[in-house]
Amino acid sequence: MWFWTLLEVLVLLANALAVLNEDRFLAPRGWSFSEVSATGKVKTLKGQLIGLIYATQYLRVPLIIFNVIIIFVKLVSG
């Protein structure tokens, strides 16, 4: 039971990261991938978080599939 809840939390967190827009949200705050990679600070915590954001944005299709599975299980199980 706790594993399913943890999986739902991770998918919701991935959804939150996947919808962040670079032009409107990330770049004005200094969180663009080009800015971090140009300075060579990819190994810092900020660089790792930006890499995680971009990884979730590239994996949108599997994320959609996970969302559909979670919605289907929720509909079936109540």
PDB file of N, CA and C in Angstrom:
ATOM      1  N   MET A   1       0.814  -1.188   0.000  1.00  0.00           N
ATOM      2  CA  MET A   1       0.000   0.000   0.000  1.00  0.00           C
ATOM      3  C   MET A   1       0.862   1.257   0.000  1.00  0.00           C
ATOM      4  N   TRP A   2       1.891   1.297   0.808  1.00  0.00           N
ATOM      5  CA  TRP A   2       2.741   2.478   0.865  1.00  0.00           C
ATOM      6  C   TRP A   2       3.559   2.630  -0.405  1.00  0.00           C
ATOM      7  N   PHE A   3       3.850   1.513  -1.084  1.00  0.00           N
ATOM      8  CA  PHE A   3       4.608   1.584  -2.329  1.00  0.00           C
ATOM      9  C   PHE A   3       3.796   2.286  -3.413  1.00  0.00           C
ATOM     10  N   TRP A   4       2.494   1.989  -3.478  1.00  0.00           N
ATOM     11  CA  TRP A   4       1.632   2.628  -4.476  1.00  0.00           C
ATOM     12  C   TRP A   4       1.531   4.132  -4.214  1.00  0.00           C
ATOM     13  N   THR A   5       1.422   4.524  -2.973  1.00  0.00           N
ATOM     14  CA  THR A   5       1.359   5.937  -2.616  1.00  0.00           C
ATOM     15  C   THR A   5       2.665   6.642  -2.968  1.00  0.00           C
ATOM     16  N   LEU A   6       3.780   5.983  -2.716  1.00  0.00           N
ATOM     17  CA  LEU A   6       5.081   6.543  -3.076  1.00  0.00           C
ATOM     18  C   LEU A   6       5.198   6.702  -4.588  1.00  0.00           C
ATOM     19  N   LEU A   7       4.716   5.739  -5.347  1.00  0.00           N
ATOM     20  CA  LEU A   7       4.740   5.825  -6.803  1.00  0.00           C
ATOM     21  C   LEU A   7       3.887   6.989  -7.296  1.00  0.00           C
ATOM     22  N   GLU A   8       2.732   7.181  -6.689  1.00  0.00           N
ATOM     23  CA  GLU A   8       1.879   8.312  -7.056  1.00  0.00           C
ATOM     24  C   GLU A   8       2.564   9.642  -6.755  1.00  0.00           C
ATOM     25  N   VAL A   9       3.223   9.737  -5.633  1.00  0.00           N
ATOM     26  CA  VAL A   9       3.932  10.968  -5.276  1.00  0.00           C
ATOM     27  C   VAL A   9       5.034  11.254  -6.267  1.00  0.00           C
ATOM     28  N   LEU A  10       5.787  10.235  -6.661  1.00  0.00           N
ATOM     29  CA  LEU A  10       6.869  10.434  -7.620  1.00  0.00           C
ATOM     30  C   LEU A  10       6.354  10.859  -8.990  1.00  0.00           C
ATOM     31  N   VAL A  11       5.241  10.294  -9.418  1.00  0.00           N
ATOM     32  CA  VAL A  11       4.658  10.690 -10.708  1.00  0.00           C
ATOM     33  C   VAL A  11       4.124  12.116 -10.638  1.00  0.00           C
ATOM     34  N   LEU A  12       3.513  12.496  -9.529  1.00  0.00           N
ATOM     35  CA  LEU A  12       3.040  13.870  -9.386  1.00  0.00           C
ATOM     36  C   LEU A  12       4.203  14.863  -9.355  1.00  0.00           C
ATOM     37  N   LEU A  13       5.291  14.507  -8.712  1.00  0.00           N
ATOM     38  CA  LEU A  13       6.470  15.363  -8.698  1.00  0.00           C
ATOM     39  C   LEU A  13       7.071  15.481 -10.096  1.00  0.00           C
ATOM     40  N   ALA A  14       7.123  14.372 -10.817  1.00  0.00           N
ATOM     41  CA  ALA A  14       7.630  14.408 -12.193  1.00  0.00           C
ATOM     42  C   ALA A  14       6.725  15.261 -13.079  1.00  0.00           C
ATOM     43  N   ASN A  15       5.413  15.197 -12.858  1.00  0.00           N
ATOM     44  CA  ASN A  15       4.487  16.060 -13.600  1.00  0.00           C
ATOM     45  C   ASN A  15       4.771  17.536 -13.321  1.00  0.00           C
ATOM     46  N   ALA A  16       5.017  17.848 -12.076  1.00  0.00           N
ATOM     47  CA  ALA A  16       5.292  19.237 -11.709  1.00  0.00           C
ATOM     48  C   ALA A  16       6.570  19.748 -12.367  1.00  0.00           C
ATOM     49  N   LEU A  17       7.581  18.908 -12.463  1.00  0.00           N
ATOM     50  CA  LEU A  17       8.829  19.321 -13.095  1.00  0.00           C
ATOM     51  C   LEU A  17       8.709  19.375 -14.611  1.00  0.00           C
ATOM     52  N   ALA A  18       7.878  18.521 -15.183  1.00  0.00           N
ATOM     53  CA  ALA A  18       7.763  18.444 -16.643  1.00  0.00           C
ATOM     54  C   ALA A  18       7.040  19.641 -17.238  1.00  0.00           C
ATOM     55  N   VAL A  19       6.192  20.300 -16.481  1.00  0.00           N
ATOM     56  CA  VAL A  19       5.417  21.403 -17.034  1.00  0.00           C
ATOM     57  C   VAL A  19       6.105  22.755 -16.886  1.00  0.00           C
ATOM     58  N   LEU A  20       7.280  22.798 -16.254  1.00  0.00           N
ATOM     59  CA  LEU A  20       7.979  24.074 -16.106  1.00  0.00           C
ATOM     60  C   LEU A  20       8.494  24.551 -17.460  1.00  0.00           C
ATOM     61  N   ASN A  21       8.199  25.781 -17.808  1.00  0.00           N
ATOM     62  CA  ASN A  21       8.620  26.351 -19.070  1.00  0.00           C
ATOM     63  C   ASN A  21       9.935  27.098 -18.872  1.00  0.00           C
ATOM     64  N   GLU A  22      10.898  26.838 -19.748  1.00  0.00           N
ATOM     65  CA  GLU A  22      12.196  27.473 -19.585  1.00  0.00           C
ATOM     66  C   GLU A  22      12.137  28.975 -19.846  1.00  0.00           C
ATOM     67  N   ASP A  23      11.448  29.377 -20.895  1.00  0.00           N
ATOM     68  CA  ASP A  23      11.426  30.792 -21.263  1.00  0.00           C
ATOM     69  C   ASP A  23      10.680  31.649 -20.255  1.00  0.00           C
ATOM     70  N   ARG A  24       9.574  31.148 -19.730  1.00  0.00           N
ATOM     71  CA  ARG A  24       8.752  31.966 -18.839  1.00  0.00           C
ATOM     72  C   ARG A  24       9.099  31.811 -17.363  1.00  0.00           C
ATOM     73  N   PHE A  25       9.643  30.662 -16.977  1.00  0.00           N
ATOM     74  CA  PHE A  25       9.853  30.431 -15.546  1.00  0.00           C
ATOM     75  C   PHE A  25      11.324  30.231 -15.177  1.00  0.00           C
ATOM     76  N   LEU A  26      12.029  29.380 -15.901  1.00  0.00           N
ATOM     77  CA  LEU A  26      13.375  29.010 -15.484  1.00  0.00           C
ATOM     78  C   LEU A  26      14.435  30.052 -15.840  1.00  0.00           C
ATOM     79  N   ALA A  27      14.434  30.549 -17.064  1.00  0.00           N
ATOM     80  CA  ALA A  27      15.473  31.478 -17.509  1.00  0.00           C
ATOM     81  C   ALA A  27      15.485  32.799 -16.734  1.00  0.00           C
ATOM     82  N   PRO A  28      14.346  33.415 -16.443  1.00  0.00           N
ATOM     83  CA  PRO A  28      14.409  34.666 -15.668  1.00  0.00           C
ATOM     84  C   PRO A  28      14.983  34.492 -14.267  1.00  0.00           C
ATOM     85  N   ARG A  29      14.940  33.303 -13.744  1.00  0.00           N
ATOM     86  CA  ARG A  29      15.463  33.047 -12.401  1.00  0.00           C
ATOM     87  C   ARG A  29      16.877  32.474 -12.415  1.00  0.00           C
ATOM     88  N   GLY A  30      17.477  32.361 -13.606  1.00  0.00           N
ATOM     89  CA  GLY A  30      18.837  31.853 -13.716  1.00  0.00           C
ATOM     90  C   GLY A  30      18.926  30.343 -13.657  1.00  0.00           C
ATOM     91  N   TRP A  31      17.855  29.648 -14.024  1.00  0.00           N
ATOM     92  CA  TRP A  31      17.832  28.191 -13.954  1.00  0.00           C
ATOM     93  C   TRP A  31      17.792  27.552 -15.340  1.00  0.00           C
ATOM     94  N   SER A  32      18.321  28.209 -16.351  1.00  0.00           N
ATOM     95  CA  SER A  32      18.315  27.616 -17.685  1.00  0.00           C
ATOM     96  C   SER A  32      19.509  26.674 -17.828  1.00  0.00           C
ATOM     97  N   PHE A  33      19.326  25.650 -18.648  1.00  0.00           N
ATOM     98  CA  PHE A  33      20.366  24.646 -18.819  1.00  0.00           C
ATOM     99  C   PHE A  33      21.568  25.223 -19.553  1.00  0.00           C
ATOM    100  N   SER A  34      21.351  26.126 -20.491  1.00  0.00           N
ATOM    101  CA  SER A  34      22.465  26.722 -21.232  1.00  0.00           C
ATOM    102  C   SER A  34      23.326  27.593 -20.323  1.00  0.00           C
ATOM    103  N   GLU A  35      22.708  28.244 -19.365  1.00  0.00           N
ATOM    104  CA  GLU A  35      23.454  29.093 -18.435  1.00  0.00           C
ATOM    105  C   GLU A  35      24.347  28.268 -17.509  1.00  0.00           C
ATOM    106  N   VAL A  36      23.840  27.145 -17.061  1.00  0.00           N
ATOM    107  CA  VAL A  36      24.604  26.303 -16.147  1.00  0.00           C
ATOM    108  C   VAL A  36      25.712  25.560 -16.898  1.00  0.00           C
ATOM    109  N   SER A  37      25.399  25.055 -18.097  1.00  0.00           N
ATOM    110  CA  SER A  37      26.407  24.299 -18.838  1.00  0.00           C
ATOM    111  C   SER A  37      27.501  25.208 -19.384  1.00  0.00           C
ATOM    112  N   ALA A  38      27.197  26.487 -19.649  1.00  0.00           N
ATOM    113  CA  ALA A  38      28.201  27.423 -20.153  1.00  0.00           C
ATOM    114  C   ALA A  38      29.226  27.770 -19.076  1.00  0.00           C
ATOM    115  N   THR A  39      28.797  27.823 -17.827  1.00  0.00           N
ATOM    116  CA  THR A  39      29.720  28.166 -16.746  1.00  0.00           C
ATOM    117  C   THR A  39      30.456  26.945 -16.216  1.00  0.00           C
ATOM    118  N   GLY A  40      30.025  25.758 -16.605  1.00  0.00           N
ATOM    119  CA  GLY A  40      30.701  24.543 -16.146  1.00  0.00           C
ATOM    120  C   GLY A  40      30.323  24.111 -14.750  1.00  0.00           C
ATOM    121  N   LYS A  41      29.197  24.573 -14.238  1.00  0.00           N
ATOM    122  CA  LYS A  41      28.768  24.233 -12.881  1.00  0.00           C
ATOM    123  C   LYS A  41      27.710  23.128 -12.903  1.00  0.00           C
ATOM    124  N   VAL A  42      27.917  22.131 -13.733  1.00  0.00           N
ATOM    125  CA  VAL A  42      26.937  21.055 -13.863  1.00  0.00           C
ATOM    126  C   VAL A  42      26.973  20.140 -12.643  1.00  0.00           C
ATOM    127  N   LYS A  43      28.088  20.062 -11.947  1.00  0.00           N
ATOM    128  CA  LYS A  43      28.226  19.164 -10.792  1.00  0.00           C
ATOM    129  C   LYS A  43      27.662  19.734  -9.500  1.00  0.00           C
ATOM    130  N   THR A  44      27.251  20.976  -9.515  1.00  0.00           N
ATOM    131  CA  THR A  44      26.683  21.558  -8.299  1.00  0.00           C
ATOM    132  C   THR A  44      25.252  21.060  -8.100  1.00  0.00           C
ATOM    133  N   LEU A  45      24.692  21.346  -6.943  1.00  0.00           N
ATOM    134  CA  LEU A  45      23.314  20.941  -6.651  1.00  0.00           C
ATOM    135  C   LEU A  45      22.339  21.621  -7.607  1.00  0.00           C
ATOM    136  N   LYS A  46      22.575  22.890  -7.886  1.00  0.00           N
ATOM    137  CA  LYS A  46      21.718  23.613  -8.827  1.00  0.00           C
ATOM    138  C   LYS A  46      21.804  22.984 -10.219  1.00  0.00           C
ATOM    139  N   GLY A  47      22.995  22.629 -10.649  1.00  0.00           N
ATOM    140  CA  GLY A  47      23.167  21.988 -11.942  1.00  0.00           C
ATOM    141  C   GLY A  47      22.494  20.634 -12.007  1.00  0.00           C
ATOM    142  N   GLN A  48      22.556  19.872 -10.918  1.00  0.00           N
ATOM    143  CA  GLN A  48      21.903  18.571 -10.871  1.00  0.00           C
ATOM    144  C   GLN A  48      20.377  18.711 -10.907  1.00  0.00           C
ATOM    145  N   LEU A  49      19.838  19.703 -10.212  1.00  0.00           N
ATOM    146  CA  LEU A  49      18.397  19.934 -10.234  1.00  0.00           C
ATOM    147  C   LEU A  49      17.921  20.366 -11.623  1.00  0.00           C
ATOM    148  N   ILE A  50      18.698  21.209 -12.284  1.00  0.00           N
ATOM    149  CA  ILE A  50      18.342  21.626 -13.643  1.00  0.00           C
ATOM    150  C   ILE A  50      18.401  20.431 -14.584  1.00  0.00           C
ATOM    151  N   GLY A  51      19.371  19.569 -14.409  1.00  0.00           N
ATOM    152  CA  GLY A  51      19.439  18.347 -15.211  1.00  0.00           C
ATOM    153  C   GLY A  51      18.232  17.448 -14.971  1.00  0.00           C
ATOM    154  N   LEU A  52      17.786  17.361 -13.730  1.00  0.00           N
ATOM    155  CA  LEU A  52      16.590  16.572 -13.414  1.00  0.00           C
ATOM    156  C   LEU A  52      15.345  17.165 -14.068  1.00  0.00           C
ATOM    157  N   ILE A  53      15.235  18.485 -14.072  1.00  0.00           N
ATOM    158  CA  ILE A  53      14.098  19.139 -14.718  1.00  0.00           C
ATOM    159  C   ILE A  53      14.094  18.839 -16.208  1.00  0.00           C
ATOM    160  N   TYR A  54      15.244  18.929 -16.849  1.00  0.00           N
ATOM    161  CA  TYR A  54      15.305  18.658 -18.285  1.00  0.00           C
ATOM    162  C   TYR A  54      15.101  17.183 -18.593  1.00  0.00           C
ATOM    163  N   ALA A  55      15.511  16.312 -17.718  1.00  0.00           N
ATOM    164  CA  ALA A  55      15.276  14.880 -17.942  1.00  0.00           C
ATOM    165  C   ALA A  55      13.791  14.560 -17.894  1.00  0.00           C
ATOM    166  N   THR A  56      13.062  15.171 -16.971  1.00  0.00           N
ATOM    167  CA  THR A  56      11.625  14.923 -16.911  1.00  0.00           C
ATOM    168  C   THR A  56      10.901  15.537 -18.106  1.00  0.00           C
ATOM    169  N   GLN A  57      11.437  16.628 -18.639  1.00  0.00           N
ATOM    170  CA  GLN A  57      10.809  17.221 -19.810  1.00  0.00           C
ATOM    171  C   GLN A  57      11.028  16.360 -21.050  1.00  0.00           C
ATOM    172  N   TYR A  58      12.138  15.673 -21.149  1.00  0.00           N
ATOM    173  CA  TYR A  58      12.389  14.796 -22.287  1.00  0.00           C
ATOM    174  C   TYR A  58      11.630  13.477 -22.172  1.00  0.00           C
ATOM    175  N   LEU A  59      11.270  13.082 -20.983  1.00  0.00           N
ATOM    176  CA  LEU A  59      10.569  11.815 -20.773  1.00  0.00           C
ATOM    177  C   LEU A  59       9.071  12.021 -20.604  1.00  0.00           C
ATOM    178  N   ARG A  60       8.486  12.888 -21.396  1.00  0.00           N
ATOM    179  CA  ARG A  60       7.054  13.178 -21.258  1.00  0.00           C
ATOM    180  C   ARG A  60       6.175  12.027 -21.702  1.00  0.00           C
ATOM    181  N   VAL A  61       6.575  11.307 -22.746  1.00  0.00           N
ATOM    182  CA  VAL A  61       5.736  10.197 -23.238  1.00  0.00           C
ATOM    183  C   VAL A  61       5.631   9.083 -22.196  1.00  0.00           C
ATOM    184  N   PRO A  62       6.732   8.606 -21.603  1.00  0.00           N
ATOM    185  CA  PRO A  62       6.558   7.621 -20.524  1.00  0.00           C
ATOM    186  C   PRO A  62       5.794   8.174 -19.330  1.00  0.00           C
ATOM    187  N   LEU A  63       5.927   9.453 -19.078  1.00  0.00           N
ATOM    188  CA  LEU A  63       5.191  10.076 -17.976  1.00  0.00           C
ATOM    189  C   LEU A  63       3.692  10.069 -18.252  1.00  0.00           C
ATOM    190  N   ILE A  64       3.313  10.298 -19.486  1.00  0.00           N
ATOM    191  CA  ILE A  64       1.896  10.224 -19.861  1.00  0.00           C
ATOM    192  C   ILE A  64       1.377   8.808 -19.666  1.00  0.00           C
ATOM    193  N   ILE A  65       2.171   7.819 -20.027  1.00  0.00           N
ATOM    194  CA  ILE A  65       1.767   6.419 -19.860  1.00  0.00           C
ATOM    195  C   ILE A  65       1.592   6.090 -18.374  1.00  0.00           C
ATOM    196  N   PHE A  66       2.518   6.537 -17.539  1.00  0.00           N
ATOM    197  CA  PHE A  66       2.385   6.314 -16.093  1.00  0.00           C
ATOM    198  C   PHE A  66       1.136   6.996 -15.534  1.00  0.00           C
ATOM    199  N   ASN A  67       0.844   8.205 -16.018  1.00  0.00           N
ATOM    200  CA  ASN A  67      -0.362   8.904 -15.577  1.00  0.00           C
ATOM    201  C   ASN A  67      -1.620   8.126 -15.947  1.00  0.00           C
ATOM    202  N   VAL A  68      -1.665   7.592 -17.167  1.00  0.00           N
ATOM    203  CA  VAL A  68      -2.826   6.819 -17.610  1.00  0.00           C
ATOM    204  C   VAL A  68      -2.993   5.563 -16.760  1.00  0.00           C
ATOM    205  N   ILE A  69      -1.886   4.895 -16.445  1.00  0.00           N
ATOM    206  CA  ILE A  69      -1.950   3.681 -15.615  1.00  0.00           C
ATOM    207  C   ILE A  69      -2.466   4.026 -14.232  1.00  0.00           C
ATOM    208  N   ILE A  70      -1.972   5.092 -13.646  1.00  0.00           N
ATOM    209  CA  ILE A  70      -2.409   5.478 -12.299  1.00  0.00           C
ATOM    210  C   ILE A  70      -3.885   5.869 -12.300  1.00  0.00           C
ATOM    211  N   ILE A  71      -4.324   6.597 -13.314  1.00  0.00           N
ATOM    212  CA  ILE A  71      -5.730   6.977 -13.409  1.00  0.00           C
ATOM    213  C   ILE A  71      -6.609   5.745 -13.578  1.00  0.00           C
ATOM    214  N   PHE A  72      -6.189   4.813 -14.415  1.00  0.00           N
ATOM    215  CA  PHE A  72      -6.956   3.593 -14.630  1.00  0.00           C
ATOM    216  C   PHE A  72      -7.076   2.777 -13.345  1.00  0.00           C
ATOM    217  N   VAL A  73      -5.986   2.627 -12.619  1.00  0.00           N
ATOM    218  CA  VAL A  73      -6.019   1.855 -11.355  1.00  0.00           C
ATOM    219  C   VAL A  73      -6.905   2.552 -10.337  1.00  0.00           C
ATOM    220  N   LYS A  74      -6.834   3.880 -10.283  1.00  0.00           N
ATOM    221  CA  LYS A  74      -7.691   4.623  -9.354  1.00  0.00           C
ATOM    222  C   LYS A  74      -9.167   4.456  -9.706  1.00  0.00           C
ATOM    223  N   LEU A  75      -9.487   4.444 -11.003  1.00  0.00           N
ATOM    224  CA  LEU A  75     -10.885   4.257 -11.418  1.00  0.00           C
ATOM    225  C   LEU A  75     -11.381   2.856 -11.095  1.00  0.00           C
ATOM    226  N   VAL A  76     -10.528   1.869 -11.276  1.00  0.00           N
ATOM    227  CA  VAL A  76     -10.928   0.486 -11.035  1.00  0.00           C
ATOM    228  C   VAL A  76     -11.032   0.188  -9.545  1.00  0.00           C
ATOM    229  N   SER A  77     -10.056   0.645  -8.775  1.00  0.00           N
ATOM    230  CA  SER A  77     -10.035   0.295  -7.354  1.00  0.00           C
ATOM    231  C   SER A  77     -10.915   1.200  -6.493  1.00  0.00           C
ATOM    232  N   GLY A  78     -11.260   2.340  -7.012  1.00  0.00           N
ATOM    233  CA  GLY A  78     -12.160   3.220  -6.255  1.00  0.00           C
ATOM    234  C   GLY A  78     -11.391   4.199  -5.525  1.00  0.00           C
TER     235      GLY A  78
END
